[in-house]
């Protein structure tokens, strides 16, 4: 009976640890440890359609809270370039709040965060239309 109780609590613990929609269910690494690295674009979608205008997109997160974002032809409306700023977890670590050095802010809703994959969504406005951008990055 004692073993059943222990395995029940262990199973409940393991299956209740997943914070993000697409996982992982459990990780021995902290969220900061998983995020703090260089990421490159694997796939991007705008309103559910695969984007053909994003050619590159790199994010480099520092464990101290700084980041660099670099991209080419970002969704066809933003100029290509490299931008810096600070980041912090928000909303019980379900989101990442980015503050760019130019004052712009963006909130990324984390869908998956492992040491090899970082998936997130965010909303952006283009010509008065709100679009949902879904991004999958992989570790470099």
Protein backbone atom coordinates (compact mmCIF):
# COMPACT_ATOMS: atom_id res chain seq x y z
CA UNK A 1 0.00 0.00 0.00
CA UNK A 2 2.86 2.34 0.86
CA UNK A 3 4.42 1.80 -2.59
CA UNK A 4 1.10 2.56 -4.29
CA UNK A 5 0.87 5.88 -2.48
CA UNK A 6 4.48 6.78 -3.34
CA UNK A 7 4.02 5.89 -7.03
CA UNK A 8 0.72 7.79 -7.13
CA UNK A 9 2.36 10.96 -5.79
CA UNK A 10 5.35 10.51 -8.09
CA UNK A 11 3.06 10.07 -11.11
CA UNK A 12 0.99 13.09 -10.11
CA UNK A 13 4.16 15.16 -9.69
CA UNK A 14 5.62 14.18 -13.05
CA UNK A 15 2.41 14.74 -15.00
CA UNK A 16 1.54 18.01 -13.30
CA UNK A 17 4.90 19.70 -13.86
CA UNK A 18 4.28 20.62 -17.49
CA UNK A 19 3.75 24.36 -17.73
CA UNK A 20 3.84 24.79 -21.50
CA UNK A 21 1.29 23.67 -24.07
CA UNK A 22 3.80 21.60 -26.07
CA UNK A 23 6.05 20.55 -23.18
CA UNK A 24 8.19 19.32 -21.80
CA UNK A 25 6.22 17.67 -19.00
CA UNK A 26 9.29 17.71 -16.77
CA UNK A 27 12.85 19.04 -16.92
CA UNK A 28 15.80 18.91 -14.55
CA UNK A 29 17.04 22.21 -16.05
CA UNK A 30 15.71 25.58 -14.92
CA UNK A 31 13.74 27.66 -17.38
CA UNK A 32 16.54 30.23 -17.50
CA UNK A 33 19.07 27.49 -18.20
CA UNK A 34 16.94 26.20 -21.07
CA UNK A 35 16.36 29.67 -22.54
CA UNK A 36 19.84 31.22 -22.19
CA UNK A 37 21.50 30.30 -25.49
CA UNK A 38 21.50 31.15 -29.21
CA UNK A 39 18.40 30.17 -31.17
CA UNK A 40 17.81 30.08 -34.92
CA UNK A 41 14.61 29.91 -36.92
CA UNK A 42 13.16 26.51 -37.69
CA UNK A 43 9.62 27.49 -38.74
CA UNK A 44 7.29 30.50 -38.59
CA UNK A 45 3.58 30.85 -39.25
CA UNK A 46 1.37 33.92 -39.46
CA UNK A 47 -2.29 33.29 -38.69
CA UNK A 48 -1.76 29.56 -39.21
CA UNK A 49 -0.07 29.87 -42.62
CA UNK A 50 3.60 29.06 -43.12
CA UNK A 51 5.49 32.30 -43.63
CA UNK A 52 7.59 32.62 -46.76
CA UNK A 53 8.83 36.13 -45.96
CA UNK A 54 10.94 35.29 -42.91
CA UNK A 55 14.32 34.18 -44.21
CA UNK A 56 16.33 34.21 -40.96
CA UNK A 57 15.53 34.96 -37.34
CA UNK A 58 18.00 34.53 -34.53
CA UNK A 59 17.52 35.18 -30.82
CA UNK A 60 20.37 35.12 -28.32
CA UNK A 61 19.30 35.16 -24.66
CA UNK A 62 21.78 35.84 -21.88
CA UNK A 63 21.14 34.38 -18.40
CA UNK A 64 21.63 37.90 -16.99
CA UNK A 65 18.52 39.19 -18.79
CA UNK A 66 19.90 40.66 -22.03
CA UNK A 67 19.02 39.54 -25.55
CA UNK A 68 19.88 40.19 -29.20
CA UNK A 69 17.33 39.64 -31.96
CA UNK A 70 18.45 39.51 -35.60
CA UNK A 71 16.31 38.88 -38.66
CA UNK A 72 15.91 39.41 -42.39
CA UNK A 73 12.62 40.64 -43.86
CA UNK A 74 10.64 40.03 -40.70
CA UNK A 75 7.13 39.16 -41.94
CA UNK A 76 7.54 41.60 -44.79
CA UNK A 77 6.77 44.74 -42.77
CA UNK A 78 9.76 45.32 -40.50
CA UNK A 79 13.22 46.29 -41.70
CA UNK A 80 15.97 43.72 -41.41
CA UNK A 81 18.46 44.28 -38.65
CA UNK A 82 19.73 43.46 -35.21
CA UNK A 83 18.13 44.75 -32.02
CA UNK A 84 19.06 44.50 -28.35
CA UNK A 85 17.18 44.74 -25.09
CA UNK A 86 16.31 43.00 -21.86
CA UNK A 87 14.08 40.05 -21.09
CA UNK A 88 12.32 38.60 -18.07
CA UNK A 89 9.83 35.85 -17.40
CA UNK A 90 6.25 37.04 -16.89
CA UNK A 91 2.86 35.55 -16.05
CA UNK A 92 4.22 32.82 -13.73
CA UNK A 93 7.01 32.07 -16.25
CA UNK A 94 4.50 31.21 -18.99
CA UNK A 95 5.57 34.25 -21.02
CA UNK A 96 8.74 36.17 -21.78
CA UNK A 97 8.53 39.97 -21.70
CA UNK A 98 11.00 41.60 -24.09
CA UNK A 99 11.90 45.28 -23.74
CA UNK A 100 13.91 46.58 -26.67
CA UNK A 101 16.46 49.35 -26.20
CA UNK A 102 14.26 51.59 -28.40
CA UNK A 103 11.37 51.21 -25.91
CA UNK A 104 9.31 48.70 -27.93
CA UNK A 105 7.86 45.84 -25.91
CA UNK A 106 6.77 42.38 -26.97
CA UNK A 107 5.40 39.47 -24.97
CA UNK A 108 6.13 35.93 -26.12
CA UNK A 109 3.77 33.16 -25.00
CA UNK A 110 5.95 30.08 -24.48
CA UNK A 111 4.57 26.89 -26.06
CA UNK A 112 7.66 24.68 -25.69
CA UNK A 113 10.99 25.27 -23.98
CA UNK A 114 13.69 22.60 -23.92
CA UNK A 115 17.45 22.95 -24.32
CA UNK A 116 17.04 22.16 -28.04
CA UNK A 117 13.67 23.76 -28.95
CA UNK A 118 11.98 27.05 -28.13
CA UNK A 119 8.45 27.59 -29.51
CA UNK A 120 6.40 30.69 -28.85
CA UNK A 121 3.51 32.82 -30.12
CA UNK A 122 2.96 36.56 -30.08
CA UNK A 123 0.50 39.05 -31.46
CA UNK A 124 1.53 41.85 -33.78
CA UNK A 125 -0.26 44.57 -35.68
CA UNK A 126 0.21 45.11 -39.39
CA UNK A 127 -1.78 47.83 -41.16
CA UNK A 128 -4.36 47.84 -38.36
CA UNK A 129 -4.82 44.05 -38.45
CA UNK A 130 -3.83 41.92 -35.45
CA UNK A 131 -1.95 38.78 -36.49
CA UNK A 132 -0.83 35.77 -34.45
CA UNK A 133 2.76 34.80 -35.18
CA UNK A 134 3.85 31.28 -34.21
CA UNK A 135 7.59 30.68 -34.14
CA UNK A 136 9.70 27.54 -33.69
CA UNK A 137 13.39 28.03 -32.98
CA UNK A 138 16.12 25.45 -32.50
CA UNK A 139 19.33 25.76 -30.50
CA UNK A 140 22.47 26.56 -32.49
